[in-house]
Amino acid sequence: MTHNIKELQALVAQAETRLAMTEFDFQSSVPVFGPLISAVRHWWNNISTRWYVRHYVQQQAEFNRAVLVVLNALIARSMQSDLETRDILVEIDRLASISLQQALAMQNIYRHLNLEQESSSITKVVAHEQ
């Protein structure tokens, strides 16, 4: 699947809106005891995993931000390359036009030279016959 620059920019912008990582807030739908279950689960998560996982979440968030910086740099470089390519193509068209004009001018010169040579040859033949 290939994307154009605008599509890539939109995808990166969409990813940037998702950079913030939030903790899951467990909610229980059990009648009456739901709030107690949620509180116990929150308390247990705080003891068992939050401090352990927080460091990894921070590392992942830093990595995600770094990846987005690289993606934005690559998109900018790609846009610059597109501009340079367009400039090169314009220059190629300009040089091709000049080359064609020169070829046509040379063709006219050769035609003119050939006509002069033929005229000179005819003059020599006529002078020789006299």
C-alpha atoms as a PDB file:
ATOM      1  CA  MET A   1       0.000   0.000   0.000  1.00  0.00           C
ATOM      2  CA  THR A   2       1.493   3.317  -1.045  1.00  0.00           C
ATOM      3  CA  HIS A   3       0.430   6.690   0.281  1.00  0.00           C
ATOM      4  CA  ASN A   4       0.985  10.152  -1.054  1.00  0.00           C
ATOM      5  CA  ILE A   5       2.563  12.827   1.123  1.00  0.00           C
ATOM      6  CA  LYS A   6      -0.745  14.333   2.262  1.00  0.00           C
ATOM      7  CA  GLU A   7      -2.011  10.901   3.339  1.00  0.00           C
ATOM      8  CA  LEU A   8       1.202  10.265   5.274  1.00  0.00           C
ATOM      9  CA  GLN A   9       0.925  13.644   6.974  1.00  0.00           C
ATOM     10  CA  ALA A  10      -2.655  12.851   7.967  1.00  0.00           C
ATOM     11  CA  LEU A  11      -1.623   9.454   9.364  1.00  0.00           C
ATOM     12  CA  VAL A  12       1.210  11.007  11.390  1.00  0.00           C
ATOM     13  CA  ALA A  13      -1.118  13.748  12.672  1.00  0.00           C
ATOM     14  CA  GLN A  14      -3.596  11.062  13.692  1.00  0.00           C
ATOM     15  CA  ALA A  15      -0.826   9.146  15.486  1.00  0.00           C
ATOM     16  CA  GLU A  16       0.242  12.337  17.272  1.00  0.00           C
ATOM     17  CA  THR A  17      -3.248  12.678  18.752  1.00  0.00           C
ATOM     18  CA  ARG A  18      -2.794   9.218  20.273  1.00  0.00           C
ATOM     19  CA  LEU A  19       0.550   9.890  21.927  1.00  0.00           C
ATOM     20  CA  ALA A  20      -0.887  10.338  25.398  1.00  0.00           C
ATOM     21  CA  MET A  21      -0.914   7.041  27.244  1.00  0.00           C
ATOM     22  CA  THR A  22      -3.477   6.752  30.027  1.00  0.00           C
ATOM     23  CA  GLU A  23      -3.973   4.151  32.678  1.00  0.00           C
ATOM     24  CA  PHE A  24      -6.912   1.832  32.382  1.00  0.00           C
ATOM     25  CA  ASP A  25      -9.620   2.697  34.872  1.00  0.00           C
ATOM     26  CA  PHE A  26     -11.320  -0.576  35.745  1.00  0.00           C
ATOM     27  CA  GLN A  27     -15.071  -0.303  36.240  1.00  0.00           C
ATOM     28  CA  SER A  28     -17.200  -3.153  37.491  1.00  0.00           C
ATOM     29  CA  SER A  29     -20.765  -3.556  36.372  1.00  0.00           C
ATOM     30  CA  VAL A  30     -21.630  -5.899  39.272  1.00  0.00           C
ATOM     31  CA  PRO A  31     -24.638  -4.498  41.133  1.00  0.00           C
ATOM     32  CA  VAL A  32     -24.050  -3.274  44.688  1.00  0.00           C
ATOM     33  CA  PHE A  33     -20.486  -4.631  44.984  1.00  0.00           C
ATOM     34  CA  GLY A  34     -19.173  -3.026  41.757  1.00  0.00           C
ATOM     35  CA  PRO A  35     -17.606   0.030  43.408  1.00  0.00           C
ATOM     36  CA  LEU A  36     -15.943  -2.182  46.061  1.00  0.00           C
ATOM     37  CA  ILE A  37     -14.556  -4.541  43.374  1.00  0.00           C
ATOM     38  CA  SER A  38     -13.239  -1.543  41.415  1.00  0.00           C
ATOM     39  CA  ALA A  39     -11.602  -0.067  44.518  1.00  0.00           C
ATOM     40  CA  VAL A  40      -9.937  -3.369  45.485  1.00  0.00           C
ATOM     41  CA  ARG A  41      -8.714  -3.908  41.937  1.00  0.00           C
ATOM     42  CA  HIS A  42      -7.381  -0.333  41.775  1.00  0.00           C
ATOM     43  CA  TRP A  43      -5.614  -0.807  45.132  1.00  0.00           C
ATOM     44  CA  TRP A  44      -4.104  -4.141  44.037  1.00  0.00           C
ATOM     45  CA  ASN A  45      -2.984  -2.713  40.671  1.00  0.00           C
ATOM     46  CA  ASN A  46      -1.332   0.162  42.516  1.00  0.00           C
ATOM     47  CA  ILE A  47       0.646  -2.291  44.655  1.00  0.00           C
ATOM     48  CA  SER A  48       1.417  -5.015  42.147  1.00  0.00           C
ATOM     49  CA  THR A  49       1.948  -3.431  38.745  1.00  0.00           C
ATOM     50  CA  ARG A  50       1.721   0.357  38.540  1.00  0.00           C
ATOM     51  CA  TRP A  51       5.254   1.090  39.727  1.00  0.00           C
ATOM     52  CA  TYR A  52       6.657  -1.785  37.737  1.00  0.00           C
ATOM     53  CA  VAL A  53       4.896  -0.882  34.486  1.00  0.00           C
ATOM     54  CA  ARG A  54       5.119   2.929  34.684  1.00  0.00           C
ATOM     55  CA  HIS A  55       8.804   2.917  33.675  1.00  0.00           C
ATOM     56  CA  TYR A  56       8.041   0.828  30.574  1.00  0.00           C
ATOM     57  CA  VAL A  57       5.105   3.042  29.682  1.00  0.00           C
ATOM     58  CA  GLN A  58       7.379   6.097  29.859  1.00  0.00           C
ATOM     59  CA  GLN A  59       9.998   4.395  27.690  1.00  0.00           C
ATOM     60  CA  GLN A  60       7.340   3.438  25.155  1.00  0.00           C
ATOM     61  CA  ALA A  61       5.949   6.981  25.110  1.00  0.00           C
ATOM     62  CA  GLU A  62       9.445   8.412  24.502  1.00  0.00           C
ATOM     63  CA  PHE A  63      10.016   5.904  21.719  1.00  0.00           C
ATOM     64  CA  ASN A  64       6.654   6.761  20.132  1.00  0.00           C
ATOM     65  CA  ARG A  65       7.505  10.476  20.170  1.00  0.00           C
ATOM     66  CA  ALA A  66      10.917   9.759  18.627  1.00  0.00           C
ATOM     67  CA  VAL A  67       9.323   7.675  15.872  1.00  0.00           C
ATOM     68  CA  LEU A  68       6.938  10.521  15.054  1.00  0.00           C
ATOM     69  CA  VAL A  69       9.843  12.971  14.877  1.00  0.00           C
ATOM     70  CA  VAL A  70      11.613  10.646  12.420  1.00  0.00           C
ATOM     71  CA  LEU A  71       8.429  10.167  10.378  1.00  0.00           C
ATOM     72  CA  ASN A  72       7.929  13.931  10.139  1.00  0.00           C
ATOM     73  CA  ALA A  73      11.558  14.367   9.077  1.00  0.00           C
ATOM     74  CA  LEU A  74      11.177  11.674   6.410  1.00  0.00           C
ATOM     75  CA  ILE A  75       7.991  13.276   5.106  1.00  0.00           C
ATOM     76  CA  ALA A  76       9.724  16.664   4.939  1.00  0.00           C
ATOM     77  CA  ARG A  77      12.684  15.103   3.082  1.00  0.00           C
ATOM     78  CA  SER A  78      10.327  13.353   0.688  1.00  0.00           C
ATOM     79  CA  MET A  79       8.572  16.650  -0.027  1.00  0.00           C
ATOM     80  CA  GLN A  80      11.956  18.294  -0.665  1.00  0.00           C
ATOM     81  CA  SER A  81      12.925  15.443  -3.000  1.00  0.00           C
ATOM     82  CA  ASP A  82       9.656  15.883  -4.887  1.00  0.00           C
ATOM     83  CA  LEU A  83      10.430  19.579  -5.393  1.00  0.00           C
ATOM     84  CA  GLU A  84      13.976  18.801  -6.523  1.00  0.00           C
ATOM     85  CA  THR A  85      12.666  16.154  -8.933  1.00  0.00           C
ATOM     86  CA  ARG A  86      10.187  18.641 -10.410  1.00  0.00           C
ATOM     87  CA  ASP A  87      12.996  21.180 -10.850  1.00  0.00           C
ATOM     88  CA  ILE A  88      15.151  18.552 -12.578  1.00  0.00           C
ATOM     89  CA  LEU A  89      12.311  17.586 -14.912  1.00  0.00           C
ATOM     90  CA  VAL A  90      11.736  21.241 -15.818  1.00  0.00           C
ATOM     91  CA  GLU A  91      15.454  21.594 -16.569  1.00  0.00           C
ATOM     92  CA  ILE A  92      15.412  18.418 -18.688  1.00  0.00           C
ATOM     93  CA  ASP A  93      12.465  19.805 -20.682  1.00  0.00           C
ATOM     94  CA  ARG A  94      14.309  23.107 -21.146  1.00  0.00           C
ATOM     95  CA  LEU A  95      17.478  21.371 -22.340  1.00  0.00           C
ATOM     96  CA  ALA A  96      15.506  19.060 -24.646  1.00  0.00           C
ATOM     97  CA  SER A  97      13.852  22.092 -26.204  1.00  0.00           C
ATOM     98  CA  ILE A  98      17.244  23.767 -26.740  1.00  0.00           C
ATOM     99  CA  SER A  99      18.636  20.546 -28.200  1.00  0.00           C
ATOM    100  CA  LEU A 100      15.716  20.280 -30.611  1.00  0.00           C
ATOM    101  CA  GLN A 101      16.168  23.906 -31.692  1.00  0.00           C
ATOM    102  CA  GLN A 102      19.871  23.300 -32.290  1.00  0.00           C
ATOM    103  CA  ALA A 103      19.154  20.136 -34.270  1.00  0.00           C
ATOM    104  CA  LEU A 104      16.684  22.028 -36.462  1.00  0.00           C
ATOM    105  CA  ALA A 105      19.200  24.846 -36.995  1.00  0.00           C
ATOM    106  CA  MET A 106      21.898  22.341 -37.947  1.00  0.00           C
ATOM    107  CA  GLN A 107      19.493  20.671 -40.336  1.00  0.00           C
ATOM    108  CA  ASN A 108      18.865  24.035 -42.022  1.00  0.00           C
ATOM    109  CA  ILE A 109      22.594  24.713 -42.251  1.00  0.00           C
ATOM    110  CA  TYR A 110      23.229  21.325 -43.885  1.00  0.00           C
ATOM    111  CA  ARG A 111      20.386  21.920 -46.319  1.00  0.00           C
ATOM    112  CA  HIS A 112      21.838  25.304 -47.204  1.00  0.00           C
ATOM    113  CA  LEU A 113      25.346  23.843 -47.604  1.00  0.00           C
ATOM    114  CA  ASN A 114      24.062  21.024 -49.787  1.00  0.00           C
ATOM    115  CA  LEU A 115      22.162  23.479 -52.006  1.00  0.00           C
ATOM    116  CA  GLU A 116      25.305  25.582 -52.414  1.00  0.00           C
ATOM    117  CA  GLN A 117      27.356  22.502 -53.248  1.00  0.00           C
ATOM    118  CA  GLU A 118      24.765  21.346 -55.797  1.00  0.00           C
ATOM    119  CA  SER A 119      24.586  24.851 -57.297  1.00  0.00           C
ATOM    120  CA  SER A 120      28.389  24.995 -57.455  1.00  0.00           C
ATOM    121  CA  SER A 121      28.503  21.557 -59.083  1.00  0.00           C
ATOM    122  CA  ILE A 122      25.919  22.571 -61.684  1.00  0.00           C
ATOM    123  CA  THR A 123      27.861  25.761 -62.426  1.00  0.00           C
ATOM    124  CA  LYS A 124      31.060  23.731 -62.910  1.00  0.00           C
ATOM    125  CA  VAL A 125      29.309  21.264 -65.230  1.00  0.00           C
ATOM    126  CA  VAL A 126      27.781  24.071 -67.291  1.00  0.00           C
ATOM    127  CA  ALA A 127      31.138  25.875 -67.503  1.00  0.00           C
ATOM    128  CA  HIS A 128      32.881  22.669 -68.529  1.00  0.00           C
ATOM    129  CA  GLU A 129      30.397  21.973 -71.290  1.00  0.00           C
ATOM    130  CA  GLN A 130      30.879  25.400 -72.808  1.00  0.00           C
END
